[in-house]
């Protein structure tokens, strides 16, 4: 019997993202994935109308006090703790577009994948100049794992991306798309390949697109990306304190916070207030006060700070690093939601991307509470 859940939805999401969830049936995580860029070792759950990414494949999840039952044919299930059922959940069904292959014989799911409930995500270039070097690599990154395991291809062509995006919209109702990339050897840091990819997708299907890259050397690339069909831009800080940046991502730390801030200030007039965002990983050493102070600066110039709990990925140098507690995340997300409300920025107004999807954090749930 379903027991009344006294825990607010945002607190439950924080708990689940902190502890992960054990699967009664390992096949439950059919739309989840291991390794790769972006959220990994997760699977999407829909809880109280919010779709969130919950760890299921990493070490903390295997010992989690939370258990999810095998879902029925419609994807409905329940989460329990200590034998008490807390809430009903549902899983996205396997996308229909996963069953197709491109004209050149590549399975669609190797080109782009379902994230959350209605987001198509792809890593256009599955290699990075920083990944192969122990002195440069981001310690949390698993971009090379899925490539090494044969679950993706190194370079997705514009034609492949357009073909898959059109099918994902037509067959599965995909509503927006995220294009990220490993950082190439070029000074544009991936802006060029993202622009050509977006242009091809937009020629095939009317789909809002967020592109994600490091700040390019020439900010004129922002106009090029916008003209090519990129609707929203993500430039991800990940961690913010100088010592933490140097320890966690020594290569990327060479691009300073102030260089990012200059890039943000140049990008907002091109894409619009709230259409530029950054991804901040909480729990890697930055204090809540530091994250909130920088978030305030970002909001003032029109950048949406998407703060998510760090989740360790198996096989990375940080695979044993703990996920931040639910209380730690609450101390950040509650005041951050109030800051966003006061600054007039809302996840629901973002045209495409991680902040709009919101599945990697409880932030959007806090936002709804702050706006009530």
Protein backbone atom coordinates (compact mmCIF):
# COMPACT_ATOMS: atom_id res chain seq x y z
CA UNK A 1 0.00 0.00 0.00
CA UNK A 2 1.25 3.50 -0.85
CA UNK A 3 2.00 5.40 2.34
CA UNK A 4 1.64 9.18 2.47
CA UNK A 5 5.04 10.69 1.71
CA UNK A 6 5.73 13.35 4.33
CA UNK A 7 8.89 14.38 2.49
CA UNK A 8 8.51 17.35 0.09
CA UNK A 9 9.17 16.44 -3.53
CA UNK A 10 12.31 18.55 -3.76
CA UNK A 11 13.73 16.89 -0.63
CA UNK A 12 12.95 13.42 -1.98
CA UNK A 13 14.69 14.26 -5.26
CA UNK A 14 17.73 15.49 -3.33
CA UNK A 15 17.75 12.25 -1.32
CA UNK A 16 17.46 10.03 -4.40
CA UNK A 17 20.19 11.92 -6.26
CA UNK A 18 22.42 11.68 -3.19
CA UNK A 19 21.91 7.98 -2.40
CA UNK A 20 20.94 6.66 -5.81
CA UNK A 21 18.37 3.88 -6.18
CA UNK A 22 18.68 0.09 -6.25
CA UNK A 23 16.82 -1.62 -9.06
CA UNK A 24 14.72 -4.67 -8.24
CA UNK A 25 15.14 -5.54 -11.92
CA UNK A 26 18.41 -4.38 -13.53
CA UNK A 27 16.66 -4.23 -16.90
CA UNK A 28 14.57 -1.36 -15.53
CA UNK A 29 17.22 1.17 -16.58
CA UNK A 30 16.49 0.65 -20.26
CA UNK A 31 16.96 4.31 -21.19
CA UNK A 32 19.85 4.87 -18.80
CA UNK A 33 23.48 4.59 -19.82
CA UNK A 34 26.99 4.00 -18.53
CA UNK A 35 29.90 6.29 -19.30
CA UNK A 36 29.92 9.09 -21.85
CA UNK A 37 29.51 12.85 -21.56
CA UNK A 38 26.85 14.53 -19.47
CA UNK A 39 24.72 12.66 -16.91
CA UNK A 40 25.88 9.06 -16.83
CA UNK A 41 25.26 5.97 -14.70
CA UNK A 42 21.75 7.43 -14.30
CA UNK A 43 18.26 6.62 -15.50
CA UNK A 44 15.27 9.01 -15.71
CA UNK A 45 12.38 8.80 -13.23
CA UNK A 46 9.24 10.90 -13.26
CA UNK A 47 8.17 11.80 -9.71
CA UNK A 48 5.17 14.04 -8.99
CA UNK A 49 5.29 15.36 -12.56
CA UNK A 50 9.04 16.13 -12.49
CA UNK A 51 11.45 14.02 -14.53
CA UNK A 52 14.80 13.61 -12.80
CA UNK A 53 17.99 11.69 -13.47
CA UNK A 54 18.76 9.27 -10.61
CA UNK A 55 22.01 7.28 -10.23
CA UNK A 56 21.46 3.54 -10.63
CA UNK A 57 24.75 2.17 -11.99
CA UNK A 58 27.40 3.56 -9.61
CA UNK A 59 28.67 2.21 -6.27
CA UNK A 60 26.46 4.36 -3.97
CA UNK A 61 23.34 3.21 -5.84
CA UNK A 62 24.17 -0.45 -5.25
CA UNK A 63 24.01 0.19 -1.49
CA UNK A 64 21.16 2.70 -1.52
CA UNK A 65 18.36 2.39 1.06
CA UNK A 66 15.93 3.24 -1.73
CA UNK A 67 14.54 0.46 -3.93
CA UNK A 68 12.48 0.78 -7.09
CA UNK A 69 10.15 -2.03 -8.11
CA UNK A 70 10.07 -3.57 -11.55
CA UNK A 71 7.81 -1.30 -13.65
CA UNK A 72 4.70 -2.49 -15.42
CA UNK A 73 4.26 -2.39 -19.20
CA UNK A 74 3.31 1.30 -19.03
CA UNK A 75 6.51 2.13 -17.13
CA UNK A 76 4.78 2.69 -13.77
CA UNK A 77 6.56 1.67 -10.57
CA UNK A 78 7.03 2.55 -6.89
CA UNK A 79 9.97 3.57 -4.71
CA UNK A 80 10.30 2.21 -1.18
CA UNK A 81 12.64 2.56 1.79
CA UNK A 82 12.85 -0.03 4.58
CA UNK A 83 9.83 -1.80 3.11
CA UNK A 84 7.66 1.35 3.13
CA UNK A 85 6.44 2.53 -0.26
CA UNK A 86 7.10 6.26 -0.49
CA UNK A 87 5.79 7.31 -3.86
CA UNK A 88 4.79 6.22 -7.32
CA UNK A 89 7.19 6.82 -10.18
CA UNK A 90 7.29 6.15 -13.89
CA UNK A 91 10.02 5.47 -16.42
CA UNK A 92 10.15 6.68 -20.02
CA UNK A 93 9.56 3.79 -22.38
CA UNK A 94 12.28 2.87 -24.85
CA UNK A 95 12.18 5.47 -27.64
CA UNK A 96 10.95 4.24 -30.99
CA UNK A 97 13.79 5.98 -32.79
CA UNK A 98 16.30 3.69 -31.03
CA UNK A 99 15.19 0.87 -33.34
CA UNK A 100 16.35 2.61 -36.51
CA UNK A 101 19.71 2.90 -38.23
CA UNK A 102 21.10 5.73 -40.34
CA UNK A 103 21.45 5.52 -44.09
CA UNK A 104 25.13 4.68 -43.56
CA UNK A 105 24.30 1.86 -41.13
CA UNK A 106 24.82 3.36 -37.66
CA UNK A 107 22.17 2.67 -34.98
CA UNK A 108 20.36 5.89 -34.10
CA UNK A 109 21.07 5.39 -30.38
CA UNK A 110 24.80 5.67 -31.11
CA UNK A 111 24.19 9.11 -32.62
CA UNK A 112 21.87 10.66 -30.01
CA UNK A 113 20.07 9.50 -26.88
CA UNK A 114 17.01 10.31 -24.82
CA UNK A 115 17.73 12.43 -21.75
CA UNK A 116 15.04 13.07 -19.19
CA UNK A 117 11.60 12.77 -20.71
CA UNK A 118 11.66 14.67 -24.01
CA UNK A 119 15.23 15.79 -24.69
CA UNK A 120 17.47 14.52 -27.47
CA UNK A 121 21.15 14.70 -26.48
CA UNK A 122 24.33 14.12 -28.41
CA UNK A 123 28.07 14.58 -28.02
CA UNK A 124 29.01 15.69 -31.51
CA UNK A 125 32.72 15.05 -30.94
CA UNK A 126 33.32 12.18 -28.49
CA UNK A 127 36.99 13.03 -27.90
CA UNK A 128 38.64 15.87 -25.98
CA UNK A 129 42.12 17.37 -25.94
CA UNK A 130 42.12 17.11 -22.16
CA UNK A 131 40.80 13.57 -21.70
CA UNK A 132 43.91 11.55 -22.56
CA UNK A 133 46.25 13.47 -20.25
CA UNK A 134 46.29 12.73 -16.52
CA UNK A 135 47.64 16.24 -15.92
CA UNK A 136 44.77 17.88 -17.83
CA UNK A 137 41.70 15.65 -17.64
CA UNK A 138 38.58 16.65 -15.73
CA UNK A 139 38.51 14.12 -12.89
CA UNK A 140 34.72 13.58 -13.17
CA UNK A 141 34.60 13.07 -16.94
CA UNK A 142 33.75 9.80 -18.68
CA UNK A 143 33.53 11.07 -22.26
CA UNK A 144 35.83 8.32 -23.54
CA UNK A 145 34.13 5.38 -21.82
CA UNK A 146 31.15 4.94 -24.11
CA UNK A 147 33.38 5.37 -27.16
CA UNK A 148 35.81 2.71 -25.93
CA UNK A 149 32.90 0.37 -25.25
CA UNK A 150 31.50 0.80 -28.76
CA UNK A 151 28.29 2.48 -27.58
CA UNK A 152 28.76 5.59 -29.70
CA UNK A 153 30.81 6.94 -32.61
CA UNK A 154 33.63 9.45 -32.38
CA UNK A 155 32.24 12.10 -34.74
CA UNK A 156 28.57 12.48 -35.54
CA UNK A 157 28.09 14.05 -38.96
CA UNK A 158 25.59 16.85 -39.54
CA UNK A 159 23.62 14.55 -41.85
CA UNK A 160 23.40 11.81 -39.20
CA UNK A 161 22.26 14.28 -36.53
CA UNK A 162 19.60 15.72 -38.81
CA UNK A 163 18.29 12.27 -39.70
CA UNK A 164 18.07 11.15 -36.07
CA UNK A 165 16.58 14.43 -34.82
CA UNK A 166 13.80 14.35 -37.40
CA UNK A 167 12.89 10.78 -36.46
CA UNK A 168 13.02 11.51 -32.72
CA UNK A 169 10.55 14.36 -33.12
CA UNK A 170 8.21 12.42 -35.40
CA UNK A 171 8.27 9.11 -33.50
CA UNK A 172 8.76 10.14 -29.87
CA UNK A 173 7.68 13.75 -29.52
CA UNK A 174 11.14 15.08 -28.63
CA UNK A 175 10.77 18.78 -27.76
CA UNK A 176 14.34 20.13 -27.60
CA UNK A 177 17.91 19.04 -28.24
CA UNK A 178 21.26 19.35 -26.46
CA UNK A 179 24.47 19.30 -28.48
CA UNK A 180 27.68 19.13 -26.50
CA UNK A 181 31.20 18.35 -27.58
CA UNK A 182 34.59 17.37 -26.32
CA UNK A 183 37.03 20.25 -26.74
CA UNK A 184 38.97 19.93 -30.02
CA UNK A 185 42.43 21.28 -30.85
CA UNK A 186 40.92 24.33 -32.57
CA UNK A 187 40.76 27.75 -30.90
CA UNK A 188 36.99 27.96 -31.37
CA UNK A 189 36.74 25.14 -28.77
CA UNK A 190 34.05 23.34 -30.74
CA UNK A 191 31.82 26.25 -31.73
CA UNK A 192 32.35 25.54 -35.43
CA UNK A 193 31.28 21.90 -35.43
CA UNK A 194 28.31 22.77 -33.21
CA UNK A 195 27.21 25.49 -35.63
CA UNK A 196 27.35 23.21 -38.67
CA UNK A 197 25.50 20.49 -36.78
CA UNK A 198 22.75 22.85 -35.64
CA UNK A 199 22.32 24.20 -39.14
CA UNK A 200 21.77 20.70 -40.52
CA UNK A 201 19.26 19.77 -37.82
CA UNK A 202 17.28 23.00 -38.25
CA UNK A 203 17.10 22.37 -42.01
CA UNK A 204 15.51 18.99 -41.29
CA UNK A 205 13.18 19.71 -38.35
CA UNK A 206 11.97 22.67 -36.28
CA UNK A 207 13.60 21.74 -32.97
CA UNK A 208 14.98 24.14 -30.33
CA UNK A 209 18.70 23.49 -29.78
CA UNK A 210 21.14 24.23 -26.99
CA UNK A 211 24.83 24.02 -27.88
CA UNK A 212 27.50 23.53 -25.19
CA UNK A 213 31.21 24.33 -25.42
CA UNK A 214 34.00 26.15 -23.67
CA UNK A 215 34.30 29.89 -24.42
CA UNK A 216 35.71 30.30 -27.95
CA UNK A 217 38.73 32.52 -28.56
CA UNK A 218 36.67 34.89 -30.70
CA UNK A 219 33.25 35.86 -29.36
CA UNK A 220 32.08 36.43 -32.94
CA UNK A 221 31.40 32.69 -32.87
CA UNK A 222 28.32 33.41 -30.75
CA UNK A 223 26.69 35.22 -33.67
CA UNK A 224 27.67 32.42 -36.03
CA UNK A 225 26.11 29.82 -33.74
CA UNK A 226 22.93 31.85 -33.37
CA UNK A 227 22.65 32.33 -37.13
CA UNK A 228 23.16 28.59 -37.64
CA UNK A 229 20.12 27.77 -35.50
CA UNK A 230 21.46 27.50 -31.95
CA UNK A 231 18.73 28.86 -29.64
CA UNK A 232 20.49 28.61 -26.28
CA UNK A 233 24.11 28.34 -25.19
CA UNK A 234 25.74 26.45 -22.34
CA UNK A 235 29.28 27.23 -21.17
CA UNK A 236 29.89 25.10 -18.13
CA UNK A 237 32.03 26.17 -15.18
CA UNK A 238 31.55 22.90 -13.27
CA UNK A 239 33.57 24.06 -10.23
CA UNK A 240 34.46 27.61 -9.26
CA UNK A 241 37.08 27.95 -6.50
CA UNK A 242 40.63 28.37 -7.92
CA UNK A 243 42.12 25.58 -5.79
CA UNK A 244 39.21 23.24 -6.50
CA UNK A 245 39.36 23.97 -10.24
CA UNK A 246 43.08 23.24 -10.35
CA UNK A 247 42.61 19.97 -8.48
CA UNK A 248 39.46 18.68 -10.20
CA UNK A 249 39.98 19.92 -13.77
CA UNK A 250 43.56 21.15 -14.21
CA UNK A 251 43.35 21.53 -17.98
CA UNK A 252 40.07 23.39 -18.10
CA UNK A 253 41.17 25.56 -15.16
CA UNK A 254 43.53 27.29 -17.59
CA UNK A 255 40.41 29.12 -18.83
CA UNK A 256 39.82 31.42 -15.86
CA UNK A 257 36.52 32.30 -14.21
CA UNK A 258 36.94 35.87 -15.43
CA UNK A 259 37.38 34.64 -19.01
CA UNK A 260 34.10 32.77 -18.60
CA UNK A 261 32.43 35.88 -17.21
CA UNK A 262 33.61 37.91 -20.22
CA UNK A 263 32.22 35.23 -22.52
CA UNK A 264 28.90 35.17 -20.66
CA UNK A 265 28.61 38.95 -20.94
CA UNK A 266 29.24 38.74 -24.69
CA UNK A 267 26.85 35.83 -25.26
CA UNK A 268 23.77 37.13 -23.42
CA UNK A 269 23.08 39.99 -25.90
CA UNK A 270 23.26 37.46 -28.75
CA UNK A 271 21.06 34.68 -27.32
CA UNK A 272 18.94 36.69 -24.89
CA UNK A 273 18.59 37.02 -21.15
CA UNK A 274 18.17 33.58 -19.59
CA UNK A 275 19.17 31.74 -22.77
CA UNK A 276 22.80 31.40 -21.69
CA UNK A 277 23.47 28.99 -18.85
CA UNK A 278 26.25 27.30 -16.95
CA UNK A 279 26.43 23.93 -15.19
CA UNK A 280 27.86 23.97 -11.65
CA UNK A 281 28.65 20.72 -9.83
CA UNK A 282 27.98 21.00 -6.09
CA UNK A 283 29.87 18.77 -3.70
CA UNK A 284 33.39 18.85 -5.13
CA UNK A 285 34.82 21.34 -2.64
CA UNK A 286 33.06 24.63 -3.31
CA UNK A 287 31.12 25.95 -0.31
CA UNK A 288 27.42 26.82 -0.71
CA UNK A 289 28.26 30.47 -0.01
CA UNK A 290 30.77 30.48 -2.90
CA UNK A 291 28.30 28.92 -5.31
CA UNK A 292 25.56 31.35 -4.30
CA UNK A 293 27.85 34.38 -4.56
CA UNK A 294 28.90 33.49 -8.10
CA UNK A 295 25.32 32.58 -9.01
CA UNK A 296 24.24 36.07 -8.00
CA UNK A 297 26.84 37.56 -10.37
CA UNK A 298 25.65 35.28 -13.17
CA UNK A 299 21.99 36.11 -12.67
CA UNK A 300 22.75 39.83 -12.73
CA UNK A 301 24.13 39.54 -16.28
CA UNK A 302 21.33 37.22 -17.44
CA UNK A 303 23.01 33.81 -17.13
CA UNK A 304 21.07 30.90 -15.63
CA UNK A 305 23.22 28.98 -13.09
CA UNK A 306 22.14 25.35 -13.23
CA UNK A 307 23.47 23.84 -9.99
CA UNK A 308 23.43 20.05 -9.78
CA UNK A 309 24.73 17.55 -7.22
CA UNK A 310 27.96 15.84 -8.20
CA UNK A 311 27.36 12.15 -8.89
CA UNK A 312 30.40 9.85 -9.19
CA UNK A 313 30.76 7.84 -12.38
CA UNK A 314 32.35 4.39 -12.29
CA UNK A 315 35.78 4.24 -13.88
CA UNK A 316 36.67 7.90 -13.33
CA UNK A 317 39.25 9.22 -10.83
CA UNK A 318 36.36 10.50 -8.69
CA UNK A 319 34.35 7.28 -8.70
CA UNK A 320 34.69 7.03 -4.90
CA UNK A 321 34.02 10.70 -4.17
CA UNK A 322 30.82 11.10 -2.13
CA UNK A 323 27.71 12.73 -3.52
CA UNK A 324 26.63 15.80 -1.52
CA UNK A 325 23.93 15.27 1.07
CA UNK A 326 20.32 16.31 0.55
CA UNK A 327 20.79 18.97 3.25
CA UNK A 328 23.84 20.40 1.43
CA UNK A 329 21.85 20.72 -1.79
CA UNK A 330 18.86 22.23 0.02
CA UNK A 331 21.12 24.95 1.46
CA UNK A 332 22.07 25.92 -2.09
CA UNK A 333 18.93 25.31 -4.12
CA UNK A 334 16.39 27.01 -1.88
CA UNK A 335 18.12 30.44 -1.84
CA UNK A 336 19.17 30.02 -5.47
CA UNK A 337 15.55 29.56 -6.51
CA UNK A 338 14.68 32.79 -4.70
CA UNK A 339 17.56 34.58 -6.48
CA UNK A 340 16.31 33.34 -9.85
CA UNK A 341 12.79 34.48 -9.11
CA UNK A 342 14.01 37.93 -8.05
CA UNK A 343 16.20 38.13 -11.15
CA UNK A 344 13.36 37.17 -13.50
CA UNK A 345 15.03 33.99 -14.76
CA UNK A 346 13.04 30.77 -15.01
CA UNK A 347 13.86 27.30 -16.24
CA UNK A 348 10.55 27.19 -18.09
CA UNK A 349 11.58 30.21 -20.20
CA UNK A 350 14.78 28.58 -21.48
CA UNK A 351 14.28 27.48 -25.09
CA UNK A 352 16.40 24.32 -24.90
CA UNK A 353 19.01 22.53 -22.86
CA UNK A 354 19.95 21.30 -19.42
CA UNK A 355 18.33 24.09 -17.42
CA UNK A 356 15.04 23.65 -19.29
CA UNK A 357 15.11 19.88 -18.85
CA UNK A 358 16.09 20.24 -15.18
CA UNK A 359 16.38 16.48 -14.67
CA UNK A 360 19.86 16.53 -13.11
CA UNK A 361 18.83 18.74 -10.19
CA UNK A 362 15.87 19.55 -7.96
CA UNK A 363 16.33 23.24 -8.79
CA UNK A 364 13.26 23.56 -11.02
CA UNK A 365 11.13 22.01 -8.27
CA UNK A 366 12.43 24.64 -5.84
CA UNK A 367 11.68 27.27 -8.48
CA UNK A 368 8.03 26.23 -8.59
CA UNK A 369 7.86 26.61 -4.82
CA UNK A 370 9.56 30.01 -4.93
CA UNK A 371 7.08 31.25 -7.52
CA UNK A 372 4.00 29.96 -5.66
